[in-house]
Amino acid sequence: SRKWRKIRKLYLESQNYICERCGQVATIVHHKKYLTADNVTDNDIAYNFDNLEALCQDCHNLEHDHFLQTGAVFSSSGDVVNVRPTKASQEYSAARIAIKNLIPPTSCR
């Protein structure tokens, strides 16, 4: 929608087009809480900056690949109803935690 394109542009500008995960050039605005048919019209989910994340293509692909590798089963409305962690998703999660522990917290964000 026109509204989404405007919000997307404003959010990317607010993050200086920098991926919030790896620091590369961000081209995608990702919804932290995934959009579903039930929540797509909820402004707090669809357009709220707190639910958005600027990502590069690689990090966005990793986000969705990781989610799919968990063995997630979805309901007809798009909600996760069952998750069976796989070895790959457990290794990915452990690596992300290890990386987060290496990065000192920032006082301004």
C-alpha atoms as a PDB file:
ATOM      1  CA  SER A   1       0.000   0.000   0.000  1.00  0.00           C
ATOM      2  CA  ARG A   2       0.995   3.619  -0.310  1.00  0.00           C
ATOM      3  CA  LYS A   3       1.022   3.895   3.496  1.00  0.00           C
ATOM      4  CA  TRP A   4       3.402   0.909   3.818  1.00  0.00           C
ATOM      5  CA  ARG A   5       5.791   2.319   1.199  1.00  0.00           C
ATOM      6  CA  LYS A   6       5.910   5.612   3.126  1.00  0.00           C
ATOM      7  CA  ILE A   7       6.481   3.896   6.505  1.00  0.00           C
ATOM      8  CA  ARG A   8       9.099   1.592   4.968  1.00  0.00           C
ATOM      9  CA  LYS A   9      11.022   4.555   3.531  1.00  0.00           C
ATOM     10  CA  LEU A  10      10.809   6.525   6.790  1.00  0.00           C
ATOM     11  CA  TYR A  11      12.019   3.536   8.791  1.00  0.00           C
ATOM     12  CA  LEU A  12      14.959   2.804   6.487  1.00  0.00           C
ATOM     13  CA  GLU A  13      15.915   6.494   6.645  1.00  0.00           C
ATOM     14  CA  SER A  14      15.678   6.433  10.459  1.00  0.00           C
ATOM     15  CA  GLN A  15      18.207   3.568  10.454  1.00  0.00           C
ATOM     16  CA  ASN A  16      20.404   5.267   7.820  1.00  0.00           C
ATOM     17  CA  TYR A  17      19.826   2.270   5.532  1.00  0.00           C
ATOM     18  CA  ILE A  18      22.054   0.143   7.806  1.00  0.00           C
ATOM     19  CA  CYS A  19      21.166  -3.469   8.576  1.00  0.00           C
ATOM     20  CA  GLU A  20      20.409  -3.743  12.290  1.00  0.00           C
ATOM     21  CA  ARG A  21      22.007  -7.182  12.463  1.00  0.00           C
ATOM     22  CA  CYS A  22      25.215  -7.025  10.420  1.00  0.00           C
ATOM     23  CA  GLY A  23      25.802  -3.368   9.518  1.00  0.00           C
ATOM     24  CA  GLN A  24      25.602  -3.839   5.750  1.00  0.00           C
ATOM     25  CA  VAL A  25      23.259  -1.829   3.518  1.00  0.00           C
ATOM     26  CA  ALA A  26      19.633  -2.422   4.512  1.00  0.00           C
ATOM     27  CA  THR A  27      17.091  -2.767   1.723  1.00  0.00           C
ATOM     28  CA  ILE A  28      14.252  -4.538   3.553  1.00  0.00           C
ATOM     29  CA  VAL A  29      12.020  -3.583   6.444  1.00  0.00           C
ATOM     30  CA  HIS A  30      11.169  -6.755   8.330  1.00  0.00           C
ATOM     31  CA  HIS A  31       8.252  -7.200  10.738  1.00  0.00           C
ATOM     32  CA  LYS A  32       9.564  -8.712  13.989  1.00  0.00           C
ATOM     33  CA  LYS A  33       6.089 -10.053  14.712  1.00  0.00           C
ATOM     34  CA  TYR A  34       5.153 -11.601  11.388  1.00  0.00           C
ATOM     35  CA  LEU A  35       2.112 -10.291   9.572  1.00  0.00           C
ATOM     36  CA  THR A  36      -0.840 -12.632   9.307  1.00  0.00           C
ATOM     37  CA  ALA A  37      -4.321 -12.313   7.851  1.00  0.00           C
ATOM     38  CA  ASP A  38      -5.552 -11.600  11.389  1.00  0.00           C
ATOM     39  CA  ASN A  39      -3.126  -8.783  12.233  1.00  0.00           C
ATOM     40  CA  VAL A  40      -2.263  -7.141   8.918  1.00  0.00           C
ATOM     41  CA  THR A  41      -4.751  -4.327   9.607  1.00  0.00           C
ATOM     42  CA  ASP A  42      -3.461  -3.769  13.160  1.00  0.00           C
ATOM     43  CA  ASN A  43      -1.443  -0.532  12.957  1.00  0.00           C
ATOM     44  CA  ASP A  44       0.598  -1.480  16.050  1.00  0.00           C
ATOM     45  CA  ILE A  45       1.898  -4.537  14.212  1.00  0.00           C
ATOM     46  CA  ALA A  46       1.944  -3.438  10.593  1.00  0.00           C
ATOM     47  CA  TYR A  47       3.271   0.140  10.933  1.00  0.00           C
ATOM     48  CA  ASN A  48       4.739   0.547  14.425  1.00  0.00           C
ATOM     49  CA  PHE A  49       8.497   1.261  14.351  1.00  0.00           C
ATOM     50  CA  ASP A  50       8.907  -0.947  17.450  1.00  0.00           C
ATOM     51  CA  ASN A  51       7.856  -3.942  15.337  1.00  0.00           C
ATOM     52  CA  LEU A  52      10.142  -3.114  12.420  1.00  0.00           C
ATOM     53  CA  GLU A  53      13.742  -3.982  11.681  1.00  0.00           C
ATOM     54  CA  ALA A  54      15.972  -2.760   8.841  1.00  0.00           C
ATOM     55  CA  LEU A  55      17.714  -5.743   7.265  1.00  0.00           C
ATOM     56  CA  CYS A  56      19.975  -6.521   4.329  1.00  0.00           C
ATOM     57  CA  GLN A  57      18.819  -9.232   1.939  1.00  0.00           C
ATOM     58  CA  ASP A  58      21.133 -11.845   3.491  1.00  0.00           C
ATOM     59  CA  CYS A  59      19.933 -11.258   7.062  1.00  0.00           C
ATOM     60  CA  HIS A  60      16.316 -11.268   5.921  1.00  0.00           C
ATOM     61  CA  ASN A  61      16.879 -14.572   4.136  1.00  0.00           C
ATOM     62  CA  LEU A  62      18.532 -15.994   7.264  1.00  0.00           C
ATOM     63  CA  GLU A  63      15.570 -14.866   9.376  1.00  0.00           C
ATOM     64  CA  HIS A  64      13.082 -16.697   7.219  1.00  0.00           C
ATOM     65  CA  ASP A  65      15.317 -19.690   6.503  1.00  0.00           C
ATOM     66  CA  HIS A  66      15.905 -20.112  10.254  1.00  0.00           C
ATOM     67  CA  PHE A  67      12.185 -19.890  10.952  1.00  0.00           C
ATOM     68  CA  LEU A  68      11.401 -22.486   8.310  1.00  0.00           C
ATOM     69  CA  GLN A  69      14.192 -24.800   9.488  1.00  0.00           C
ATOM     70  CA  THR A  70      12.570 -25.052  12.906  1.00  0.00           C
ATOM     71  CA  GLY A  71       9.960 -27.377  11.463  1.00  0.00           C
ATOM     72  CA  ALA A  72       7.226 -24.841  12.139  1.00  0.00           C
ATOM     73  CA  VAL A  73       3.665 -25.848  11.366  1.00  0.00           C
ATOM     74  CA  PHE A  74       1.223 -23.061  10.552  1.00  0.00           C
ATOM     75  CA  SER A  75      -2.523 -22.722  11.021  1.00  0.00           C
ATOM     76  CA  SER A  76      -4.693 -21.518   8.137  1.00  0.00           C
ATOM     77  CA  SER A  77      -4.416 -17.973   9.561  1.00  0.00           C
ATOM     78  CA  GLY A  78      -0.616 -18.093   9.409  1.00  0.00           C
ATOM     79  CA  ASP A  79       0.009 -18.566  13.133  1.00  0.00           C
ATOM     80  CA  VAL A  80       2.626 -21.040  14.332  1.00  0.00           C
ATOM     81  CA  VAL A  81       0.893 -23.972  15.990  1.00  0.00           C
ATOM     82  CA  ASN A  82       3.838 -26.337  16.454  1.00  0.00           C
ATOM     83  CA  VAL A  83       7.600 -25.946  16.371  1.00  0.00           C
ATOM     84  CA  ARG A  84      10.047 -28.837  16.280  1.00  0.00           C
ATOM     85  CA  PRO A  85      13.601 -27.478  16.663  1.00  0.00           C
ATOM     86  CA  THR A  86      16.079 -29.001  14.251  1.00  0.00           C
ATOM     87  CA  LYS A  87      19.817 -29.369  14.775  1.00  0.00           C
ATOM     88  CA  ALA A  88      20.420 -26.557  12.272  1.00  0.00           C
ATOM     89  CA  SER A  89      18.069 -24.165  14.085  1.00  0.00           C
ATOM     90  CA  GLN A  90      19.628 -25.006  17.471  1.00  0.00           C
ATOM     91  CA  GLU A  91      23.134 -24.336  16.092  1.00  0.00           C
ATOM     92  CA  TYR A  92      21.932 -21.086  14.515  1.00  0.00           C
ATOM     93  CA  SER A  93      20.375 -19.952  17.810  1.00  0.00           C
ATOM     94  CA  ALA A  94      23.535 -20.805  19.757  1.00  0.00           C
ATOM     95  CA  ALA A  95      25.668 -18.860  17.258  1.00  0.00           C
ATOM     96  CA  ARG A  96      23.391 -15.796  17.485  1.00  0.00           C
ATOM     97  CA  ILE A  97      23.571 -15.863  21.292  1.00  0.00           C
ATOM     98  CA  ALA A  98      27.358 -16.151  21.154  1.00  0.00           C
ATOM     99  CA  ILE A  99      27.590 -13.193  18.770  1.00  0.00           C
ATOM    100  CA  LYS A 100      25.245 -11.079  20.921  1.00  0.00           C
ATOM    101  CA  ASN A 101      27.448 -11.803  23.953  1.00  0.00           C
ATOM    102  CA  LEU A 102      30.486 -10.443  22.076  1.00  0.00           C
ATOM    103  CA  ILE A 103      28.849  -7.101  21.289  1.00  0.00           C
ATOM    104  CA  PRO A 104      28.894  -4.638  24.209  1.00  0.00           C
ATOM    105  CA  PRO A 105      25.516  -3.050  24.975  1.00  0.00           C
ATOM    106  CA  THR A 106      25.096   0.512  23.783  1.00  0.00           C
ATOM    107  CA  SER A 107      23.747   3.278  25.957  1.00  0.00           C
ATOM    108  CA  CYS A 108      21.830   4.952  23.139  1.00  0.00           C
ATOM    109  CA  ARG A 109      19.576   3.192  20.706  1.00  0.00           C
END
